[in-house]
Amino acid sequence: MNGRQKAGAPLAEVEVPTLGGGTVRLGDNRGKWRMIVVYRGLHCPLCRKYLARLEEMKGEFENIGVDILAVSGDPEDKAAAFRDEAGLSFPIAHGLGEDQMRSLGLYVSDPRSPGETDRRFPEPALFIINPDGNVQIADVSNAPFSRPDLAAILGGLTFIQGKDYPVRGTA
C-alpha cells in the first residue's frame, strides 16, 4: 500500500474504463457528491450482497444528491457479469490496475486459488468525494468482512450536508 488517501484532499488521479464505453476519473465530480465503492470482483459474494443493498438504497442517495460509482480490477466481461448478477443500475468502472489500487491506498490481495480469480484484486473501500472534489469520508478495509453500514453512511451524509459539517481527520 502506498499510503492512505488524505482527508480533505483530492482523491488520487485514477482513470478507468466504464461499462458501456468511455472512462471516468474517480475523483472528478466538481460541484456534486460522489460515492465510490471499490469491490473485490465477480468472485466475491459479499461484494454482490453489499452492492445489491446499495442498489436498493440508490434512490435515497440520489435524493440527497449523491452519485454512485462502483469500481473493481475485473476486466470488462467479469464486471458486466457482476453487474448483471447483482442487478445493478448505477455506473460500474473496471480494469483498476495494481498501481492504481496502490495509489488509492487500497489493500491488494492475491487469489487463494485459480478457482477464486485469475489476478490480484483490491479489498473493499468506500470514498465519499464532496462537491469541492475532496475526500470527505474514506473507509479502506483489508478484508471482505469489514464494510461501512450504508444506512449509517446515508445518515452521516444527510447530517454533513444539513450542518455544513467539516471534513474530519485532517489534523
Protein backbone atom coordinates (compact mmCIF):
# COMPACT_ATOMS: atom_id res chain seq x y z
CA MET A 1 0.00 0.00 0.00
CA ASN A 2 1.43 3.39 -0.99
CA GLY A 3 -0.40 5.32 1.70
CA ARG A 4 -3.89 6.31 2.58
CA GLN A 5 -5.96 8.97 0.92
CA LYS A 6 -5.67 12.26 2.75
CA ALA A 7 -8.96 13.51 4.18
CA GLY A 8 -9.89 16.91 2.75
CA ALA A 9 -7.62 16.48 -0.27
CA PRO A 10 -8.41 15.36 -3.83
CA LEU A 11 -8.60 11.64 -4.50
CA ALA A 12 -5.58 10.18 -6.31
CA GLU A 13 -5.70 10.73 -10.07
CA VAL A 14 -7.15 7.47 -11.34
CA GLU A 15 -8.91 6.99 -14.68
CA VAL A 16 -10.61 3.71 -15.56
CA PRO A 17 -12.97 2.45 -18.26
CA THR A 18 -16.69 2.13 -17.58
CA LEU A 19 -19.18 -0.47 -18.73
CA GLY A 20 -20.96 0.84 -21.79
CA GLY A 21 -17.90 2.73 -23.02
CA GLY A 22 -15.91 5.74 -22.03
CA THR A 23 -13.78 6.36 -18.99
CA VAL A 24 -14.19 8.01 -15.62
CA ARG A 25 -11.74 9.85 -13.38
CA LEU A 26 -12.69 8.64 -9.93
CA GLY A 27 -12.34 11.94 -8.09
CA ASP A 28 -13.58 14.17 -10.92
CA ASN A 29 -17.00 15.27 -9.70
CA ARG A 30 -16.74 19.01 -9.08
CA GLY A 31 -19.96 20.52 -7.81
CA LYS A 32 -21.62 17.29 -6.65
CA TRP A 33 -21.22 14.45 -4.19
CA ARG A 34 -19.92 11.05 -5.31
CA MET A 35 -19.73 7.73 -3.52
CA ILE A 36 -17.06 5.42 -4.92
CA VAL A 37 -17.35 1.82 -3.81
CA VAL A 38 -14.34 -0.37 -4.53
CA TYR A 39 -15.35 -4.03 -4.69
CA ARG A 40 -13.20 -7.13 -4.89
CA GLY A 41 -14.65 -8.58 -8.10
CA LEU A 42 -17.01 -11.12 -9.61
CA HIS A 43 -15.65 -13.85 -7.32
CA CYS A 44 -16.89 -12.10 -4.15
CA PRO A 45 -20.39 -12.98 -2.88
CA LEU A 46 -20.10 -10.43 -0.06
CA CYS A 47 -19.50 -7.70 -2.65
CA ARG A 48 -22.55 -8.81 -4.60
CA LYS A 49 -24.69 -8.64 -1.44
CA TYR A 50 -23.27 -5.23 -0.41
CA LEU A 51 -23.77 -3.65 -3.81
CA ALA A 52 -27.25 -5.16 -4.17
CA ARG A 53 -28.11 -3.42 -0.88
CA LEU A 54 -26.67 -0.20 -2.28
CA GLU A 55 -28.89 -0.66 -5.35
CA GLU A 56 -31.91 -0.89 -3.03
CA MET A 57 -30.85 2.38 -1.39
CA LYS A 58 -29.82 4.13 -4.60
CA GLY A 59 -32.89 6.40 -4.64
CA GLU A 60 -32.19 7.58 -1.09
CA PHE A 61 -28.65 8.58 -2.04
CA GLU A 62 -29.90 10.26 -5.21
CA ASN A 63 -32.40 12.24 -3.09
CA ILE A 64 -29.51 13.87 -1.23
CA GLY A 65 -27.52 14.46 -4.42
CA VAL A 66 -25.00 11.61 -4.20
CA ASP A 67 -23.89 9.88 -7.38
CA ILE A 68 -22.76 6.26 -7.03
CA LEU A 69 -19.89 4.59 -8.83
CA ALA A 70 -18.57 1.07 -8.23
CA VAL A 71 -15.12 0.00 -9.41
CA SER A 72 -13.04 -3.18 -9.42
CA GLY A 73 -9.95 -4.64 -11.00
CA ASP A 74 -12.04 -7.08 -13.01
CA PRO A 75 -11.84 -6.97 -16.80
CA GLU A 76 -14.91 -5.75 -18.69
CA ASP A 77 -16.55 -9.17 -19.13
CA LYS A 78 -16.37 -10.02 -15.42
CA ALA A 79 -17.56 -6.53 -14.41
CA ALA A 80 -20.55 -6.88 -16.76
CA ALA A 81 -21.36 -10.33 -15.35
CA PHE A 82 -21.15 -8.92 -11.81
CA ARG A 83 -23.48 -6.02 -12.71
CA ASP A 84 -25.99 -8.40 -14.27
CA GLU A 85 -25.88 -10.96 -11.44
CA ALA A 86 -26.29 -8.27 -8.77
CA GLY A 87 -28.94 -6.36 -10.75
CA LEU A 88 -27.07 -3.05 -10.58
CA SER A 89 -28.15 0.09 -12.44
CA PHE A 90 -25.50 2.57 -11.27
CA PRO A 91 -22.25 3.05 -13.22
CA ILE A 92 -19.58 0.37 -12.97
CA ALA A 93 -15.92 1.01 -13.73
CA HIS A 94 -13.47 -1.82 -14.28
CA GLY A 95 -9.86 -2.62 -15.04
CA LEU A 96 -8.40 -0.92 -11.97
CA GLY A 97 -4.69 -1.73 -12.23
CA GLU A 98 -2.49 -2.70 -9.31
CA ASP A 99 -0.58 0.60 -9.44
CA GLN A 100 -3.92 2.46 -9.38
CA MET A 101 -5.07 0.36 -6.44
CA ARG A 102 -1.94 1.30 -4.55
CA SER A 103 -2.24 4.99 -5.44
CA LEU A 104 -5.73 4.93 -3.89
CA GLY A 105 -4.28 3.40 -0.73
CA LEU A 106 -6.14 0.12 -1.19
CA TYR A 107 -5.10 -3.21 0.23
CA VAL A 108 -4.31 -5.66 -2.57
CA SER A 109 -4.73 -9.43 -2.26
CA ASP A 110 -3.54 -12.46 -4.16
CA PRO A 111 -6.15 -15.05 -5.11
CA ARG A 112 -6.31 -18.03 -2.76
CA SER A 113 -6.63 -20.35 -5.75
CA PRO A 114 -7.13 -20.19 -9.53
CA GLY A 115 -10.77 -21.03 -8.85
CA GLU A 116 -11.25 -17.78 -6.93
CA THR A 117 -9.93 -15.45 -9.63
CA ASP A 118 -7.01 -15.11 -12.00
CA ARG A 119 -5.47 -11.83 -10.81
CA ARG A 120 -4.66 -9.69 -7.80
CA PHE A 121 -7.61 -7.65 -6.61
CA PRO A 122 -8.42 -4.75 -4.28
CA GLU A 123 -10.03 -5.28 -0.92
CA PRO A 124 -13.18 -3.21 -0.25
CA ALA A 125 -13.13 0.54 0.16
CA LEU A 126 -15.60 3.39 0.15
CA PHE A 127 -14.77 7.01 -0.64
CA ILE A 128 -17.15 9.94 -0.43
CA ILE A 129 -15.98 12.85 -2.56
CA ASN A 130 -17.53 16.23 -1.71
CA PRO A 131 -18.56 18.95 -4.18
CA ASP A 132 -15.15 20.59 -3.82
CA GLY A 133 -13.61 17.38 -5.23
CA ASN A 134 -12.03 16.37 -1.92
CA VAL A 135 -12.22 13.19 0.16
CA GLN A 136 -14.93 13.76 2.77
CA ILE A 137 -15.02 10.14 4.00
CA ALA A 138 -12.56 7.29 3.41
CA ASP A 139 -13.08 3.75 4.61
CA VAL A 140 -10.46 1.23 3.47
CA SER A 141 -10.52 -2.42 4.56
CA ASN A 142 -8.03 -5.25 4.27
CA ALA A 143 -10.71 -7.95 4.44
CA PRO A 144 -14.03 -8.64 2.73
CA PHE A 145 -15.89 -8.78 6.04
CA SER A 146 -15.44 -5.14 7.04
CA ARG A 147 -17.57 -2.58 5.20
CA PRO A 148 -19.34 0.59 6.31
CA ASP A 149 -23.05 0.34 7.04
CA LEU A 150 -24.83 2.01 4.13
CA ALA A 151 -27.67 3.35 6.28
CA ALA A 152 -25.10 4.96 8.58
CA ILE A 153 -23.33 6.50 5.57
CA LEU A 154 -26.66 7.86 4.29
CA GLY A 155 -27.47 9.34 7.71
CA GLY A 156 -23.98 10.75 8.04
CA LEU A 157 -24.11 12.41 4.64
CA THR A 158 -27.51 13.90 5.41
CA PHE A 159 -26.05 15.33 8.63
CA ILE A 160 -22.90 16.60 6.88
CA GLN A 161 -24.93 18.35 4.20
CA GLY A 162 -27.50 19.79 6.60
CA LYS A 163 -24.99 21.10 9.14
CA ASP A 164 -22.15 22.04 6.77
CA TYR A 165 -20.09 19.58 8.82
CA PRO A 166 -16.35 19.79 8.08
CA VAL A 167 -14.06 17.04 6.83
CA ARG A 168 -12.73 15.18 9.88
CA GLY A 169 -9.33 13.56 10.37
CA THR A 170 -7.28 16.36 8.86
CA ALA A 171 -5.14 17.18 11.93
